[in-house]
Amino acid sequence: MHALFLITFPGYFVYHYLVSMAGMPQVLAGYSTPICLVSLPLLIALHLRRRAGGPTTVQPVELLLWVFLFYYAAVTAWAWSTRNLLSSAEAHPTVIAQFVALYLLGHHAPAEPRQRPWLIGALLVMTLMVLHNSLSGGLIAAALDSAGLGIGLINYQGYAFAYFVTLTWAVALLRDRTGLRLAVYAMAFVALFLNGARSEFAAALVALLALEFLLAGSKVAVLAGVVVVVLLLVAGYFAFEEDLQDYRVITLFTDYSEDLSVLDRQKMYADGLATILANPLGGRMGSYVGGEYIHSYLSAWVDLGAAGFALFAALSIAPAVYLWTQRARMASDRGLQLLFMLTTSTLLLSLAAKPFTQYLLPLTLGVCVGHARGLGAWRMAAPAATVAVRP
C-alpha cells in the first residue's frame, strides 16, 4: 500500500516532469486517471478483504461519504441524460472514481516510520525538479498548457498538490526529529514558492504553523520564532523586491486583490451565485465552462444543489469533529497529527480556493476513518457511535 502511495503522488509529479522535459513519452495520458483505474479494483479488494470476517462496523464518516458519492453519481447520471452539458460536466465520473480510490488509499496507507526515508527522498527529488524548472524559466508544463500544447500535462497546481500530500505524510513522521523537520520545512517552502501555486503554499504555511503551535511545549518560543522568520523574510523582500515580482506567491503578501486570477475568480463567484439563486434546490450541473467554477465549497451547491452542498459541508467538518474528540491524544499520535494537517488544509482550501471536487478531501476522510477504526470506535459522547452491519 505504501508503494501505491509513492506511485500515486511522487510518481505523478515525476511522470509529468519527465514528459514535460521530453525525458519519456506520454504513455499514460494524464497519469492520475490510468493509475486510478488500475489501483481502484486493487484497493476495493484490499478493503473488502480487511473488512471480511465477522460483523463489520461502518464508521459514521464512511457512511456519510458513501451517501454523498451515491447522490453525486445520481445527479451526474441525471444531468447527462436530460440536457446538453457544458465541458465542466465531463470530468465528474472520473472525479467520483478518484474520490473512492483516494479515500481507500488514505484509509489503508497511514504514516509509518518505515516510510520516512522514502518520503524524504521523494521530497528531495521533487524539490530538485522544481529548482531545475525554475532555473529553466518556469514550469515547462504550465508554459505548454498556456500555449495550448500541454494536453494531458498537469500545471503548477498539480505539481503542488502531489508535493503537498507527500509533505504532510513526511512531517507526521518527524515529530521526534526537530532538526530534520525544520530542514524539510525550509526545503518545502522554497519548492512551493518557486512552484507558484499560492493555494498550496498558503495551506502548507497555515497547517504546519498550526501544528507546531498546537504541539509546542512553549507557545511563546514558537511565536518568537515566527516573528524572527517574518522579520527576516520582510528584510529579504525589500532587499530583492524587484527580482521577486515575477513570482506568483509573493502577491499573497503584496497586491493580491489586484491580481488577474483573483479578479477572474470574483467573476466566477458572481456567476456561480447567480446559478444558485436561480436553482436553489437542485443546482445546475454543467452550467458553466470547464475551469470557470466557484473556487470554494459553494461549487457543490452549483453542481449538486442544496442537498449535495449540505452533505459536502458535513463531510468537510466531520474530521475536525473527530479531532476534537481525540484532542488528548494529539501530542503523541502521528496519525492524528497527519489528520490535523490534512483537515486544516482541506477546510482552508474549501473555504477560499478550491471547488468541491478537490482531491484532498477524500484523502482526509480516509485517514480519519482509518484512525477511528484503528482505535476500535469513534468515541463520541453518544452511546452508539457506529452502526453494526451483520452479514
Protein backbone atom coordinates (compact mmCIF):
# COMPACT_ATOMS: atom_id res chain seq x y z
CA MET A 1 0.00 0.00 0.00
CA HIS A 2 2.85 2.39 0.76
CA ALA A 3 4.32 1.65 -2.68
CA LEU A 4 0.98 2.66 -4.21
CA PHE A 5 1.11 5.92 -2.24
CA LEU A 6 4.54 6.69 -3.72
CA ILE A 7 3.33 5.81 -7.21
CA THR A 8 0.22 7.96 -6.82
CA PHE A 9 1.81 11.17 -5.53
CA PRO A 10 5.59 11.45 -6.06
CA GLY A 11 5.15 9.23 -9.13
CA TYR A 12 2.52 11.62 -10.50
CA PHE A 13 4.92 14.52 -10.07
CA VAL A 14 7.94 12.76 -11.58
CA TYR A 15 6.00 11.37 -14.55
CA HIS A 16 4.72 14.79 -15.63
CA TYR A 17 8.10 16.38 -15.08
CA LEU A 18 9.83 13.80 -17.29
CA VAL A 19 7.17 14.09 -20.00
CA SER A 20 7.35 17.91 -19.97
CA MET A 21 11.15 17.69 -20.27
CA ALA A 22 10.87 15.16 -23.14
CA GLY A 23 12.57 12.65 -20.86
CA MET A 24 9.95 10.00 -21.63
CA PRO A 25 6.97 9.57 -23.97
CA GLN A 26 3.48 10.46 -22.80
CA VAL A 27 2.29 6.87 -22.39
CA LEU A 28 -0.19 7.35 -19.51
CA ALA A 29 -2.15 10.39 -20.71
CA GLY A 30 -2.86 12.41 -17.56
CA TYR A 31 -1.42 9.65 -15.32
CA SER A 32 -3.93 10.08 -12.47
CA THR A 33 -6.86 8.53 -14.36
CA PRO A 34 -4.96 5.41 -15.55
CA ILE A 35 -3.45 4.97 -12.08
CA CYS A 36 -6.93 5.29 -10.58
CA LEU A 37 -8.41 2.73 -12.98
CA VAL A 38 -5.62 0.27 -12.21
CA SER A 39 -5.49 0.82 -8.46
CA LEU A 40 -9.22 1.08 -7.71
CA PRO A 41 -10.01 -2.66 -8.10
CA LEU A 42 -6.93 -3.50 -6.01
CA LEU A 43 -7.92 -1.00 -3.31
CA ILE A 44 -11.51 -2.26 -3.22
CA ALA A 45 -10.33 -5.88 -2.98
CA LEU A 46 -7.92 -4.98 -0.17
CA HIS A 47 -10.60 -3.03 1.67
CA LEU A 48 -13.10 -5.88 1.45
CA ARG A 49 -10.51 -8.45 2.50
CA ARG A 50 -9.57 -6.45 5.58
CA ARG A 51 -13.22 -5.89 6.45
CA ALA A 52 -14.20 -9.54 5.91
CA GLY A 53 -14.81 -11.97 8.74
CA GLY A 54 -17.42 -11.35 11.40
CA PRO A 55 -19.55 -8.25 11.98
CA THR A 56 -18.46 -5.16 10.11
CA THR A 57 -18.61 -1.75 11.73
CA VAL A 58 -19.33 1.22 9.48
CA GLN A 59 -17.94 4.47 10.78
CA PRO A 60 -20.39 7.40 10.54
CA VAL A 61 -17.99 9.37 8.35
CA GLU A 62 -17.64 6.46 5.96
CA LEU A 63 -21.38 6.02 5.74
CA LEU A 64 -21.80 9.74 5.06
CA LEU A 65 -19.19 9.56 2.29
CA TRP A 66 -20.97 6.69 0.53
CA VAL A 67 -24.27 8.58 0.74
CA PHE A 68 -22.62 11.67 -0.75
CA LEU A 69 -20.97 9.72 -3.57
CA PHE A 70 -24.21 7.88 -4.39
CA TYR A 71 -26.05 11.21 -4.53
CA TYR A 72 -23.23 12.76 -6.59
CA ALA A 73 -23.35 9.86 -9.07
CA ALA A 74 -27.15 10.05 -9.31
CA VAL A 75 -27.09 13.80 -10.03
CA THR A 76 -24.35 13.27 -12.63
CA ALA A 77 -26.29 10.47 -14.38
CA TRP A 78 -29.49 12.53 -14.37
CA ALA A 79 -27.77 15.63 -15.72
CA TRP A 80 -26.06 13.68 -18.51
CA SER A 81 -29.32 12.04 -19.55
CA THR A 82 -31.60 15.06 -19.54
CA ARG A 83 -29.77 18.01 -21.08
CA ASN A 84 -26.83 19.25 -23.09
CA LEU A 85 -23.98 19.98 -20.72
CA LEU A 86 -21.02 22.30 -20.97
CA SER A 87 -17.48 20.96 -20.63
CA SER A 88 -17.41 21.26 -16.84
CA ALA A 89 -19.57 18.13 -16.54
CA GLU A 90 -17.20 15.86 -18.43
CA ALA A 91 -14.88 15.19 -15.50
CA HIS A 92 -17.46 14.19 -12.88
CA PRO A 93 -17.49 10.40 -13.50
CA THR A 94 -13.69 10.36 -13.20
CA VAL A 95 -13.84 12.55 -10.09
CA ILE A 96 -16.20 10.07 -8.39
CA ALA A 97 -13.88 7.15 -9.17
CA GLN A 98 -10.85 9.05 -7.90
CA PHE A 99 -12.71 10.06 -4.73
CA VAL A 100 -13.22 6.37 -3.95
CA ALA A 101 -9.61 5.46 -4.80
CA LEU A 102 -8.11 8.28 -2.72
CA TYR A 103 -10.42 7.59 0.21
CA LEU A 104 -9.32 3.95 0.28
CA LEU A 105 -5.67 4.93 -0.15
CA GLY A 106 -5.87 7.35 2.78
CA HIS A 107 -7.66 4.68 4.82
CA HIS A 108 -5.06 1.96 4.26
CA ALA A 109 -1.80 3.93 3.93
CA PRO A 110 -1.18 5.52 7.35
CA ALA A 111 2.07 7.31 8.08
CA GLU A 112 4.53 4.70 9.39
CA PRO A 113 8.22 5.09 10.35
CA ARG A 114 9.44 2.76 7.62
CA GLN A 115 8.12 5.25 5.06
CA ARG A 116 10.30 8.09 6.35
CA PRO A 117 13.41 7.68 4.15
CA TRP A 118 11.27 7.10 1.06
CA LEU A 119 9.13 10.18 1.68
CA ILE A 120 12.07 12.46 2.43
CA GLY A 121 13.88 11.13 -0.61
CA ALA A 122 10.81 11.78 -2.76
CA LEU A 123 10.56 15.36 -1.43
CA LEU A 124 14.22 15.93 -2.23
CA VAL A 125 13.82 14.65 -5.79
CA MET A 126 10.71 16.75 -6.37
CA THR A 127 12.42 19.83 -4.93
CA LEU A 128 15.36 19.39 -7.29
CA MET A 129 12.93 19.12 -10.21
CA VAL A 130 11.20 22.35 -9.16
CA LEU A 131 14.57 24.08 -8.89
CA HIS A 132 15.52 22.85 -12.35
CA ASN A 133 12.25 24.08 -13.81
CA SER A 134 12.72 27.43 -12.10
CA LEU A 135 16.23 27.83 -13.49
CA SER A 136 14.87 26.87 -16.91
CA GLY A 137 12.47 29.81 -16.89
CA GLY A 138 9.41 28.43 -15.14
CA LEU A 139 7.37 25.27 -15.01
CA ILE A 140 7.53 23.88 -18.51
CA ALA A 141 4.25 22.01 -18.29
CA ALA A 142 2.43 25.20 -17.25
CA ALA A 143 4.01 27.09 -20.15
CA LEU A 144 2.98 24.39 -22.61
CA ASP A 145 -0.52 24.36 -21.19
CA SER A 146 -0.91 28.12 -21.55
CA ALA A 147 0.21 27.82 -25.16
CA GLY A 148 -2.38 25.13 -25.85
CA LEU A 149 0.24 22.41 -26.27
CA GLY A 150 0.08 20.73 -22.87
CA ILE A 151 -2.78 18.32 -23.43
CA GLY A 152 -2.68 15.72 -20.68
CA LEU A 153 0.04 17.54 -18.73
CA ILE A 154 -0.57 18.99 -15.29
CA ASN A 155 0.16 22.60 -14.45
CA TYR A 156 1.85 24.07 -11.40
CA GLN A 157 -1.21 23.31 -9.24
CA GLY A 158 -0.98 19.60 -9.98
CA TYR A 159 2.71 19.60 -9.10
CA ALA A 160 1.98 21.45 -5.85
CA PHE A 161 -0.82 19.04 -4.84
CA ALA A 162 1.43 15.98 -5.23
CA TYR A 163 4.21 17.75 -3.35
CA PHE A 164 1.95 18.92 -0.54
CA VAL A 165 0.42 15.49 0.13
CA THR A 166 3.87 13.90 0.26
CA LEU A 167 4.99 16.68 2.62
CA THR A 168 2.18 16.10 5.13
CA TRP A 169 2.91 12.36 5.32
CA ALA A 170 6.61 13.08 5.85
CA VAL A 171 6.07 15.73 8.53
CA ALA A 172 3.84 13.36 10.51
CA LEU A 173 6.89 11.09 10.88
CA LEU A 174 9.29 13.82 12.04
CA ARG A 175 7.91 14.97 15.37
CA ASP A 176 10.92 13.48 17.18
CA ARG A 177 13.44 14.82 14.63
CA THR A 178 13.31 18.59 15.15
CA GLY A 179 16.36 19.48 13.07
CA LEU A 180 15.33 17.29 10.16
CA ARG A 181 11.75 18.56 10.36
CA LEU A 182 12.86 22.20 10.16
CA ALA A 183 15.13 21.35 7.22
CA VAL A 184 12.17 19.73 5.45
CA TYR A 185 10.08 22.84 6.13
CA ALA A 186 12.74 25.08 4.58
CA MET A 187 13.09 22.83 1.54
CA ALA A 188 9.34 22.56 1.08
CA PHE A 189 8.60 26.27 1.28
CA VAL A 190 11.34 27.03 -1.23
CA ALA A 191 9.87 24.45 -3.61
CA LEU A 192 6.27 25.62 -3.17
CA PHE A 193 7.31 29.27 -3.52
CA LEU A 194 9.15 28.61 -6.78
CA ASN A 195 6.33 26.38 -7.99
CA GLY A 196 3.89 29.29 -7.79
CA ALA A 197 0.73 27.54 -6.53
CA ARG A 198 -0.48 30.06 -3.98
CA SER A 199 -3.28 27.92 -2.55
CA GLU A 200 -1.00 25.01 -1.66
CA PHE A 201 1.68 27.38 -0.33
CA ALA A 202 -0.87 29.04 1.97
CA ALA A 203 -2.30 25.68 3.03
CA ALA A 204 1.16 24.36 3.93
CA LEU A 205 2.02 27.56 5.79
CA VAL A 206 -1.16 27.57 7.87
CA ALA A 207 -1.24 23.81 8.54
CA LEU A 208 2.40 23.49 9.58
CA LEU A 209 2.38 26.63 11.74
CA ALA A 210 -0.84 25.49 13.42
CA LEU A 211 0.62 22.04 14.09
CA GLU A 212 3.83 23.46 15.56
CA PHE A 213 1.88 25.84 17.80
CA LEU A 214 -0.57 23.14 18.87
CA LEU A 215 2.11 20.66 19.89
CA ALA A 216 4.79 23.04 21.20
CA GLY A 217 5.76 22.86 24.85
CA SER A 218 6.43 26.60 24.80
CA LYS A 219 3.91 28.57 22.74
CA VAL A 220 5.94 31.73 23.36
CA ALA A 221 9.02 30.17 21.75
CA VAL A 222 7.03 29.27 18.64
CA LEU A 223 5.58 32.78 18.37
CA ALA A 224 9.04 34.30 18.86
CA GLY A 225 10.45 32.04 16.16
CA VAL A 226 7.67 33.03 13.76
CA VAL A 227 8.30 36.73 14.44
CA VAL A 228 12.02 36.33 13.74
CA VAL A 229 11.36 34.44 10.49
CA VAL A 230 8.80 37.04 9.37
CA LEU A 231 11.23 39.88 10.03
CA LEU A 232 13.95 38.12 8.05
CA LEU A 233 11.56 37.50 5.16
CA VAL A 234 10.40 41.12 5.15
CA ALA A 235 14.00 42.30 5.10
CA GLY A 236 14.75 39.88 2.25
CA TYR A 237 11.72 41.12 0.32
CA PHE A 238 12.78 44.76 0.46
CA ALA A 239 16.34 43.80 -0.45
CA PHE A 240 15.21 41.86 -3.56
CA GLU A 241 11.83 43.46 -4.21
CA GLU A 242 12.30 43.94 -7.94
CA ASP A 243 13.52 40.38 -8.55
CA LEU A 244 10.63 38.85 -6.57
CA GLN A 245 7.81 40.46 -8.54
CA ASP A 246 7.83 37.63 -11.11
CA TYR A 247 6.85 35.01 -8.50
CA ARG A 248 3.10 34.38 -8.07
CA VAL A 249 3.27 33.52 -4.36
CA ILE A 250 4.64 36.98 -3.50
CA THR A 251 1.25 38.51 -4.39
CA LEU A 252 -0.25 36.78 -1.34
CA PHE A 253 1.60 39.36 0.73
CA THR A 254 1.53 42.40 -1.57
CA ASP A 255 -1.18 43.31 -4.13
CA TYR A 256 -3.29 40.14 -4.08
CA SER A 257 -6.59 41.98 -4.57
CA GLU A 258 -5.42 43.36 -7.92
CA ASP A 259 -4.20 40.00 -9.24
CA LEU A 260 -5.83 38.96 -12.54
CA SER A 261 -6.55 35.48 -11.20
CA VAL A 262 -8.37 36.97 -8.23
CA LEU A 263 -10.44 39.20 -10.48
CA ASP A 264 -11.36 36.20 -12.65
CA ARG A 265 -12.40 34.25 -9.57
CA GLN A 266 -14.60 37.12 -8.42
CA LYS A 267 -16.47 36.95 -11.73
CA MET A 268 -16.79 33.14 -11.43
CA TYR A 269 -18.16 33.59 -7.92
CA ALA A 270 -20.78 36.08 -9.13
CA ASP A 271 -21.81 33.77 -11.99
CA GLY A 272 -21.98 30.75 -9.67
CA LEU A 273 -24.01 32.64 -7.08
CA ALA A 274 -26.48 33.62 -9.81
CA THR A 275 -26.85 29.94 -10.73
CA ILE A 276 -27.51 29.04 -7.08
CA LEU A 277 -30.15 31.76 -6.75
CA ALA A 278 -31.83 30.60 -9.96
CA ASN A 279 -31.65 26.90 -8.98
CA PRO A 280 -31.52 26.82 -5.16
CA LEU A 281 -32.74 23.26 -4.63
CA GLY A 282 -31.34 21.17 -7.46
CA GLY A 283 -28.43 23.30 -8.67
CA ARG A 284 -27.46 23.01 -12.31
CA MET A 285 -24.58 20.70 -13.13
CA GLY A 286 -22.77 21.54 -16.37
CA SER A 287 -23.99 25.15 -16.45
CA TYR A 288 -20.50 26.59 -16.84
CA VAL A 289 -17.40 26.04 -18.98
CA GLY A 290 -14.72 23.78 -17.54
CA GLY A 291 -12.47 25.63 -15.07
CA GLU A 292 -14.91 28.50 -14.51
CA TYR A 293 -16.28 27.24 -11.20
CA ILE A 294 -16.67 28.93 -7.83
CA HIS A 295 -13.38 28.42 -6.03
CA SER A 296 -14.96 27.43 -2.72
CA TYR A 297 -17.36 24.99 -1.06
CA LEU A 298 -20.28 26.79 -2.78
CA SER A 299 -19.31 25.00 -6.01
CA ALA A 300 -21.07 21.94 -4.52
CA TRP A 301 -24.32 23.92 -4.43
CA VAL A 302 -23.92 24.94 -8.07
CA ASP A 303 -23.48 21.36 -9.29
CA LEU A 304 -25.34 19.28 -6.70
CA GLY A 305 -27.97 21.56 -5.24
CA ALA A 306 -28.83 22.22 -1.61
CA ALA A 307 -28.75 18.56 -0.52
CA GLY A 308 -25.37 17.94 -2.13
CA PHE A 309 -24.00 21.10 -0.54
CA ALA A 310 -25.24 20.01 2.90
CA LEU A 311 -23.65 16.57 2.52
CA PHE A 312 -20.36 18.08 1.35
CA ALA A 313 -20.31 20.57 4.24
CA ALA A 314 -20.95 17.76 6.73
CA LEU A 315 -18.14 15.68 5.23
CA SER A 316 -15.74 18.62 5.39
CA ILE A 317 -16.47 19.29 9.06
CA ALA A 318 -16.53 15.66 10.24
CA PRO A 319 -12.72 15.20 10.53
CA ALA A 320 -12.50 18.37 12.65
CA VAL A 321 -15.15 16.99 15.00
CA TYR A 322 -13.23 13.72 15.26
CA LEU A 323 -10.00 15.59 16.04
CA TRP A 324 -11.77 17.43 18.84
CA THR A 325 -12.92 14.14 20.39
CA GLN A 326 -9.33 12.84 20.26
CA ARG A 327 -7.53 16.04 21.27
CA ALA A 328 -5.95 14.42 24.34
CA ARG A 329 -4.02 12.05 22.08
CA MET A 330 -2.76 14.69 19.64
CA ALA A 331 0.70 15.22 21.14
CA SER A 332 1.71 11.57 20.89
CA ASP A 333 -0.28 10.24 17.93
CA ARG A 334 1.27 10.77 14.48
CA GLY A 335 -1.96 9.63 12.82
CA LEU A 336 -3.84 12.48 14.48
CA GLN A 337 -1.07 14.91 13.59
CA LEU A 338 -1.35 13.88 9.93
CA LEU A 339 -5.13 14.22 10.12
CA PHE A 340 -4.78 17.66 11.73
CA MET A 341 -2.63 18.94 8.85
CA LEU A 342 -4.95 17.49 6.22
CA THR A 343 -8.11 18.76 7.93
CA THR A 344 -6.74 22.28 8.41
CA SER A 345 -5.68 22.41 4.76
CA THR A 346 -8.92 20.95 3.42
CA LEU A 347 -11.06 23.43 5.34
CA LEU A 348 -8.91 26.39 4.27
CA LEU A 349 -8.88 25.37 0.60
CA SER A 350 -12.62 24.59 0.56
CA LEU A 351 -13.41 27.97 2.07
CA ALA A 352 -11.26 30.12 -0.18
CA ALA A 353 -9.54 28.38 -3.07
CA LYS A 354 -10.81 25.02 -4.38
CA PRO A 355 -14.07 23.51 -5.69
CA PHE A 356 -15.79 20.58 -4.00
CA THR A 357 -14.04 18.21 -6.42
CA GLN A 358 -10.62 18.85 -4.86
CA TYR A 359 -8.87 15.56 -4.07
CA LEU A 360 -7.58 16.48 -0.62
CA LEU A 361 -10.98 15.81 0.97
CA PRO A 362 -11.24 12.06 0.23
CA LEU A 363 -7.68 11.55 1.44
CA THR A 364 -8.54 13.36 4.67
CA LEU A 365 -11.68 11.29 5.15
CA GLY A 366 -9.74 8.08 4.53
CA VAL A 367 -7.14 8.97 7.16
CA CYS A 368 -9.93 9.94 9.58
CA VAL A 369 -11.87 6.69 9.21
CA GLY A 370 -8.70 4.59 9.21
CA HIS A 371 -7.61 6.15 12.50
CA ALA A 372 -11.05 5.83 14.11
CA ARG A 373 -11.29 2.20 13.08
CA GLY A 374 -7.79 1.53 14.39
CA LEU A 375 -8.94 2.71 17.83
CA GLY A 376 -11.90 0.36 17.65
CA ALA A 377 -14.59 3.03 17.51
CA TRP A 378 -15.24 6.75 17.24
CA ARG A 379 -15.52 7.64 20.91
CA MET A 380 -18.29 10.20 20.76
CA ALA A 381 -20.48 11.29 23.69
CA ALA A 382 -23.42 9.36 22.28
CA PRO A 383 -23.59 5.72 23.43
CA ALA A 384 -23.63 4.32 19.89
CA ALA A 385 -21.13 5.94 17.56
CA THR A 386 -21.01 3.19 14.95
CA VAL A 387 -23.59 1.21 13.05
CA ALA A 388 -23.27 -2.56 13.22
CA VAL A 389 -23.91 -4.27 9.91
CA ARG A 390 -24.16 -8.04 10.08
CA PRO A 391 -23.72 -10.17 7.01
